[in-house]
Amino acid sequence: MLNVQADLRRRLAAALDPVQVRVSVPAERPRELVVVRREGGGQVSELQDGPGVGVFCFAQTEARACAIAEAVADAVNALTFADGYEVKRMDVMRSSPDPDDDSPRWYLSYTFTTHEPR
């Protein structure tokens, strides 16, 4: 199966450079950060997975956090069957201030159907 969390982290890091893209928030959070997490889903068949993925976009301003979220959406929309992505559906894209310090943050949620690309 395609490791969707690792694959999206890698692809988003390339697409969003110089914004850091990780799978968790480091102790010293950078000014701009994207965090990719598999949040659920399950195996559809022997060859397909149906992961749910959440993406958090942190920035210094609401406008910049929104712009990073839009860049994430563009990068996800560009994923193809050859990349291992059969179905991609955005479930949510919204402002979601960080509960720890109320700093600007946007959240995107996706449901995918994936396969291991050849």
Protein backbone atom coordinates (compact mmCIF):
# COMPACT_ATOMS: atom_id res chain seq x y z
CA MET A 1 0.00 0.00 0.00
CA LEU A 2 1.03 3.58 -0.60
CA ASN A 3 2.15 5.32 2.61
CA VAL A 4 -0.03 8.35 1.95
CA GLN A 5 1.24 10.39 4.91
CA ALA A 6 4.89 10.04 3.88
CA ASP A 7 4.13 10.44 0.17
CA LEU A 8 2.08 13.62 0.65
CA ARG A 9 4.69 15.04 3.02
CA ARG A 10 7.37 14.52 0.38
CA ARG A 11 5.29 15.89 -2.49
CA LEU A 12 4.09 18.93 -0.54
CA ALA A 13 7.64 19.69 0.64
CA ALA A 14 8.73 19.88 -3.00
CA ALA A 15 5.70 21.93 -4.06
CA LEU A 16 5.77 24.39 -1.14
CA ASP A 17 9.51 24.96 -0.71
CA PRO A 18 10.72 26.86 1.36
CA VAL A 19 7.75 26.16 3.69
CA GLN A 20 8.63 23.25 5.99
CA VAL A 21 6.36 20.21 5.67
CA ARG A 22 6.36 17.64 8.47
CA VAL A 23 4.22 14.94 10.03
CA SER A 24 4.23 16.60 13.47
CA VAL A 25 4.73 20.02 15.01
CA PRO A 26 8.30 20.44 16.33
CA ALA A 27 8.94 21.92 19.77
CA GLU A 28 10.16 25.12 18.10
CA ARG A 29 7.46 25.68 15.48
CA PRO A 30 8.71 27.55 12.39
CA ARG A 31 6.93 30.72 11.28
CA GLU A 32 5.43 28.79 8.38
CA LEU A 33 4.71 25.09 8.68
CA VAL A 34 2.54 22.45 7.04
CA VAL A 35 1.74 19.28 8.98
CA VAL A 36 0.37 16.20 7.18
CA ARG A 37 -1.36 13.49 9.22
CA ARG A 38 -3.26 10.38 8.33
CA GLU A 39 -6.40 10.68 10.45
CA GLY A 40 -8.34 7.58 9.53
CA GLY A 41 -9.71 5.43 6.79
CA GLY A 42 -8.88 1.85 6.05
CA GLN A 43 -7.98 -0.74 3.49
CA VAL A 44 -10.50 -0.94 0.63
CA SER A 45 -9.13 -4.10 -1.00
CA GLU A 46 -5.87 -6.02 -1.28
CA LEU A 47 -4.65 -3.34 -3.70
CA GLN A 48 -6.41 -0.19 -2.51
CA ASP A 49 -6.37 1.97 0.59
CA GLY A 50 -8.94 4.58 1.63
CA PRO A 51 -7.05 7.00 3.89
CA GLY A 52 -8.37 10.15 5.48
CA VAL A 53 -5.70 12.85 5.69
CA GLY A 54 -5.61 16.15 7.56
CA VAL A 55 -3.29 19.02 6.65
CA PHE A 56 -2.59 21.94 9.01
CA CYS A 57 -1.10 25.16 7.56
CA PHE A 58 0.51 27.51 10.10
CA ALA A 59 1.65 31.08 9.33
CA GLN A 60 2.08 34.49 10.91
CA THR A 61 -1.07 35.94 9.34
CA GLU A 62 -4.49 34.58 8.45
CA ALA A 63 -3.98 35.62 4.83
CA ARG A 64 -0.67 33.77 4.55
CA ALA A 65 -2.06 30.63 6.22
CA CYS A 66 -4.93 30.71 3.69
CA ALA A 67 -2.47 31.16 0.80
CA ILE A 68 -0.46 28.14 1.97
CA ALA A 69 -3.69 26.10 2.26
CA GLU A 70 -4.60 27.09 -1.30
CA ALA A 71 -1.14 25.97 -2.49
CA VAL A 72 -1.68 22.63 -0.71
CA ALA A 73 -5.05 22.25 -2.46
CA ASP A 74 -3.43 22.98 -5.84
CA ALA A 75 -0.71 20.38 -5.20
CA VAL A 76 -3.23 17.73 -4.14
CA ASN A 77 -5.41 18.49 -7.18
CA ALA A 78 -2.37 17.79 -9.39
CA LEU A 79 -1.97 14.21 -8.07
CA THR A 80 -2.65 11.57 -10.73
CA PHE A 81 -3.44 7.88 -11.02
CA ALA A 82 0.21 7.31 -11.96
CA ASP A 83 1.18 8.85 -8.59
CA GLY A 84 -1.00 6.26 -6.83
CA TYR A 85 -4.09 8.44 -6.30
CA GLU A 86 -7.34 7.13 -7.80
CA VAL A 87 -9.84 9.33 -5.99
CA LYS A 88 -9.17 12.53 -4.06
CA ARG A 89 -11.93 14.45 -2.34
CA MET A 90 -11.51 17.57 -0.25
CA ASP A 91 -13.89 17.29 2.69
CA VAL A 92 -12.98 20.52 4.51
CA MET A 93 -10.92 23.68 3.98
CA ARG A 94 -11.29 26.22 6.75
CA SER A 95 -9.63 28.59 9.14
CA SER A 96 -8.77 26.75 12.35
CA PRO A 97 -6.74 28.89 14.79
CA ASP A 98 -4.20 26.95 16.85
CA PRO A 99 -5.92 26.11 20.16
CA ASP A 100 -2.67 26.56 22.11
CA ASP A 101 -1.94 30.18 21.15
CA ASP A 102 -4.74 31.26 18.76
CA SER A 103 -2.17 31.79 15.98
CA PRO A 104 -3.34 31.66 12.34
CA ARG A 105 -3.80 28.18 10.99
CA TRP A 106 -5.84 26.65 8.19
CA TYR A 107 -7.03 23.03 8.04
CA LEU A 108 -7.75 20.83 5.02
CA SER A 109 -9.23 17.36 5.21
CA TYR A 110 -9.12 14.83 2.37
CA THR A 111 -10.46 11.37 1.65
CA PHE A 112 -8.47 9.36 -0.89
CA THR A 113 -8.51 6.04 -2.64
CA THR A 114 -4.91 5.07 -3.33
CA HIS A 115 -2.84 2.21 -4.69
CA GLU A 116 0.85 1.41 -4.80
CA PRO A 117 2.15 3.05 -8.00
CA ARG A 118 4.32 0.95 -10.29
